Amino acid sequence: MGNEASKRFRGLLIEARKRAGLTQYELAARLKRPQSFVSKFERGERRLDVLEFREVAQALGTDPIRFLRRLYREAP
């Protein structure tokens, strides 16, 4: 993914977290991970592999396939 697409991916993840009414701490608790895990992928310091992305999407109550469709539909 190019830099702009990567920013969009992170932006959509942040949007989904906020829409779910979760803080980074609350999402991290659902994932059984430290808050820094969420912070790092939201800031782009760390990338998610496909299995981690699926886990995050499920914790957010978001269908990962629909999420990716939106990403590719809206990507620059």
Protein backbone atom coordinates (compact mmCIF):
# COMPACT_ATOMS: atom_id res chain seq x y z
CA MET A 1 0.00 0.00 0.00
CA GLY A 2 1.27 3.44 -0.81
CA ASN A 3 1.68 6.07 1.86
CA GLU A 4 -1.71 7.70 1.16
CA ALA A 5 -3.50 4.35 1.18
CA SER A 6 -1.74 3.45 4.43
CA LYS A 7 -2.91 6.72 5.99
CA ARG A 8 -6.45 6.01 4.79
CA PHE A 9 -6.34 2.49 6.27
CA ARG A 10 -5.24 3.88 9.63
CA GLY A 11 -7.87 6.60 9.43
CA LEU A 12 -10.61 4.06 8.79
CA LEU A 13 -9.43 1.99 11.76
CA ILE A 14 -9.52 5.03 14.02
CA GLU A 15 -12.95 5.97 12.68
CA ALA A 16 -14.24 2.44 13.32
CA ARG A 17 -12.87 2.49 16.87
CA LYS A 18 -14.51 5.82 17.62
CA ARG A 19 -17.78 4.73 15.99
CA ALA A 20 -17.70 1.68 18.28
CA GLY A 21 -17.38 4.10 21.20
CA LEU A 22 -14.06 2.64 22.30
CA THR A 23 -10.89 4.25 23.57
CA GLN A 24 -7.52 2.82 22.66
CA TYR A 25 -7.38 1.30 26.14
CA GLU A 26 -10.78 -0.38 25.74
CA LEU A 27 -9.90 -1.78 22.32
CA ALA A 28 -6.58 -3.04 23.68
CA ALA A 29 -8.40 -4.75 26.55
CA ARG A 30 -10.70 -6.53 24.07
CA LEU A 31 -7.62 -7.65 22.16
CA LYS A 32 -5.80 -8.66 25.35
CA ARG A 33 -2.90 -6.46 24.26
CA PRO A 34 -1.26 -3.36 25.72
CA GLN A 35 -2.66 0.05 24.76
CA SER A 36 0.63 0.74 22.97
CA PHE A 37 -0.28 -1.97 20.40
CA VAL A 38 -3.32 0.05 19.34
CA SER A 39 -1.46 3.35 19.49
CA LYS A 40 1.38 2.07 17.31
CA PHE A 41 -0.82 0.76 14.50
CA GLU A 42 -3.02 3.86 14.59
CA ARG A 43 0.06 6.12 14.26
CA GLY A 44 1.67 3.98 11.57
CA GLU A 45 4.60 2.90 13.71
CA ARG A 46 3.50 -0.71 13.32
CA ARG A 47 1.64 -2.55 10.58
CA LEU A 48 -1.00 -5.17 11.14
CA ASP A 49 -0.72 -8.51 9.43
CA VAL A 50 -3.90 -9.96 7.98
CA LEU A 51 -4.68 -12.10 11.04
CA GLU A 52 -4.16 -9.16 13.39
CA PHE A 53 -6.37 -6.99 11.20
CA ARG A 54 -9.12 -9.62 11.35
CA GLU A 55 -8.80 -9.70 15.15
CA VAL A 56 -8.97 -5.90 15.40
CA ALA A 57 -11.96 -5.70 13.04
CA GLN A 58 -13.84 -8.30 15.07
CA ALA A 59 -13.03 -6.49 18.33
CA LEU A 60 -14.48 -3.34 16.75
CA GLY A 61 -17.60 -5.18 15.60
CA THR A 62 -16.66 -4.45 11.99
CA ASP A 63 -16.81 -6.96 9.16
CA PRO A 64 -13.23 -7.11 7.82
CA ILE A 65 -14.35 -7.74 4.23
CA ARG A 66 -16.70 -4.74 4.20
CA PHE A 67 -13.93 -2.66 5.78
CA LEU A 68 -11.48 -3.62 3.02
CA ARG A 69 -14.07 -2.99 0.31
CA ARG A 70 -14.53 0.51 1.65
CA LEU A 71 -10.76 1.03 1.83
CA TYR A 72 -10.25 0.02 -1.79
CA ARG A 73 -13.31 1.93 -2.99
CA GLU A 74 -12.08 5.13 -1.33
CA ALA A 75 -8.30 4.68 -1.74
CA PRO A 76 -6.49 7.24 -3.88
